[in-house]
Every structure is written in C-alpha cells, then in structure tokens.
Amino acid sequence: MAKKSYPLRINEQVIAAMQRWADDDLRSLNAQIEYVLRDALVKSGRVKLVQKVTTEVEAVGEDDSESADNH
C-alpha cells in the first residue's frame, strides 16, 4: 500500500492526547493516527477490513516448560 504525505492542522490538546495513546500502544504518532482513522472507517462501514494480522500462540510442551523453570 502506497503512503501519501498530508499536512495536518490539529488542535494541540488532541495531538497531545494522541501522542500519549500512541506511547501507551508503543506506536508512532503517525501510526496511531492512521490506526484510529482506519478503525473509524471500518466501524462506519466506509471500508472493509480485508486482512487482519494475528499472532497465534502455541502451548509449550512440558519438557520445554520444565527446562525454562530451571533457568
């Protein structure tokens, strides 16, 4: 997906709140703004979520967990 630069004029308190939220979520401010905009677009039905990336977690075998406990 290509990215396009866009100058944004935004209220100082809003940008500060977005920065705090981005920091909490370990995202850059730009990524947080894009996340919020994308989420709003999906929730409003203006775009469809085509792909959702997830991380699957598998249980560790008993042998692996015992060795981890010994360290």
C-alpha atoms as a PDB file:
ATOM      1  CA  MET A   1       0.000   0.000   0.000  1.00  0.00           C
ATOM      2  CA  ALA A   2       1.428   3.346  -1.022  1.00  0.00           C
ATOM      3  CA  LYS A   3       1.554   6.118   1.571  1.00  0.00           C
ATOM      4  CA  LYS A   4       0.813   9.747   0.800  1.00  0.00           C
ATOM      5  CA  SER A   5       2.099  12.667   2.873  1.00  0.00           C
ATOM      6  CA  TYR A   6      -0.557  15.058   4.084  1.00  0.00           C
ATOM      7  CA  PRO A   7      -0.043  18.173   6.218  1.00  0.00           C
ATOM      8  CA  LEU A   8      -2.467  18.102   9.132  1.00  0.00           C
ATOM      9  CA  ARG A   9      -3.594  21.042  11.253  1.00  0.00           C
ATOM     10  CA  ILE A  10      -4.862  19.718  14.561  1.00  0.00           C
ATOM     11  CA  ASN A  11      -5.722  21.059  17.999  1.00  0.00           C
ATOM     12  CA  GLU A  12      -2.762  20.981  20.400  1.00  0.00           C
ATOM     13  CA  GLN A  13      -4.663  19.060  23.107  1.00  0.00           C
ATOM     14  CA  VAL A  14      -5.876  16.488  20.605  1.00  0.00           C
ATOM     15  CA  ILE A  15      -2.376  15.831  19.279  1.00  0.00           C
ATOM     16  CA  ALA A  16      -1.021  15.575  22.842  1.00  0.00           C
ATOM     17  CA  ALA A  17      -3.718  13.032  23.726  1.00  0.00           C
ATOM     18  CA  MET A  18      -2.966  11.080  20.542  1.00  0.00           C
ATOM     19  CA  GLN A  19       0.742  11.075  21.430  1.00  0.00           C
ATOM     20  CA  ARG A  20       0.008   9.682  24.909  1.00  0.00           C
ATOM     21  CA  TRP A  21      -2.202   6.988  23.382  1.00  0.00           C
ATOM     22  CA  ALA A  22       0.488   6.163  20.820  1.00  0.00           C
ATOM     23  CA  ASP A  23       3.074   5.895  23.592  1.00  0.00           C
ATOM     24  CA  ASP A  24       0.777   3.561  25.564  1.00  0.00           C
ATOM     25  CA  ASP A  25       0.328   1.345  22.485  1.00  0.00           C
ATOM     26  CA  LEU A  26       4.041   1.524  21.528  1.00  0.00           C
ATOM     27  CA  ARG A  27       3.212   3.122  18.178  1.00  0.00           C
ATOM     28  CA  SER A  28       4.489   6.226  16.462  1.00  0.00           C
ATOM     29  CA  LEU A  29       2.117   9.185  16.446  1.00  0.00           C
ATOM     30  CA  ASN A  30       1.659   8.799  12.701  1.00  0.00           C
ATOM     31  CA  ALA A  31       0.821   5.089  13.037  1.00  0.00           C
ATOM     32  CA  GLN A  32      -1.640   5.854  15.852  1.00  0.00           C
ATOM     33  CA  ILE A  33      -3.462   8.479  13.782  1.00  0.00           C
ATOM     34  CA  GLU A  34      -3.658   6.054  10.851  1.00  0.00           C
ATOM     35  CA  TYR A  35      -4.904   3.275  13.176  1.00  0.00           C
ATOM     36  CA  VAL A  36      -7.672   5.488  14.602  1.00  0.00           C
ATOM     37  CA  LEU A  37      -8.735   6.695  11.154  1.00  0.00           C
ATOM     38  CA  ARG A  38      -8.754   3.167   9.717  1.00  0.00           C
ATOM     39  CA  ASP A  39     -10.746   1.852  12.701  1.00  0.00           C
ATOM     40  CA  ALA A  40     -13.320   4.646  12.308  1.00  0.00           C
ATOM     41  CA  LEU A  41     -13.647   3.912   8.582  1.00  0.00           C
ATOM     42  CA  VAL A  42     -14.239   0.203   9.223  1.00  0.00           C
ATOM     43  CA  LYS A  43     -16.739   0.830  12.045  1.00  0.00           C
ATOM     44  CA  SER A  44     -18.696   3.314   9.915  1.00  0.00           C
ATOM     45  CA  GLY A  45     -18.870   0.826   7.038  1.00  0.00           C
ATOM     46  CA  ARG A  46     -16.962   3.073   4.655  1.00  0.00           C
ATOM     47  CA  VAL A  47     -14.238   0.482   4.048  1.00  0.00           C
ATOM     48  CA  LYS A  48     -13.997  -3.248   4.618  1.00  0.00           C
ATOM     49  CA  LEU A  49     -11.285  -4.865   6.677  1.00  0.00           C
ATOM     50  CA  VAL A  50      -9.603  -7.070   4.077  1.00  0.00           C
ATOM     51  CA  GLN A  51      -6.840  -8.641   6.133  1.00  0.00           C
ATOM     52  CA  LYS A  52      -6.335  -8.854   9.870  1.00  0.00           C
ATOM     53  CA  VAL A  53      -2.897  -9.865  11.078  1.00  0.00           C
ATOM     54  CA  THR A  54      -2.911 -12.018  14.207  1.00  0.00           C
ATOM     55  CA  THR A  55      -0.236 -13.748  16.185  1.00  0.00           C
ATOM     56  CA  GLU A  56      -1.035 -17.278  17.224  1.00  0.00           C
ATOM     57  CA  VAL A  57       0.385 -18.628  20.445  1.00  0.00           C
ATOM     58  CA  GLU A  58       1.005 -22.318  20.937  1.00  0.00           C
ATOM     59  CA  ALA A  59       1.355 -24.049  24.277  1.00  0.00           C
ATOM     60  CA  VAL A  60       4.900 -25.011  25.191  1.00  0.00           C
ATOM     61  CA  GLY A  61       5.465 -28.729  25.726  1.00  0.00           C
ATOM     62  CA  GLU A  62       6.012 -29.975  29.283  1.00  0.00           C
ATOM     63  CA  ASP A  63       9.675 -30.691  28.589  1.00  0.00           C
ATOM     64  CA  ASP A  64      10.242 -27.120  27.384  1.00  0.00           C
ATOM     65  CA  SER A  65       8.469 -25.540  30.366  1.00  0.00           C
ATOM     66  CA  GLU A  66      10.431 -27.647  32.879  1.00  0.00           C
ATOM     67  CA  SER A  67      13.732 -26.573  31.386  1.00  0.00           C
ATOM     68  CA  ALA A  68      12.604 -22.928  31.434  1.00  0.00           C
ATOM     69  CA  ASP A  69      11.723 -23.240  35.124  1.00  0.00           C
ATOM     70  CA  ASN A  70      15.246 -24.442  35.913  1.00  0.00           C
ATOM     71  CA  HIS A  71      16.854 -21.288  34.491  1.00  0.00           C
END
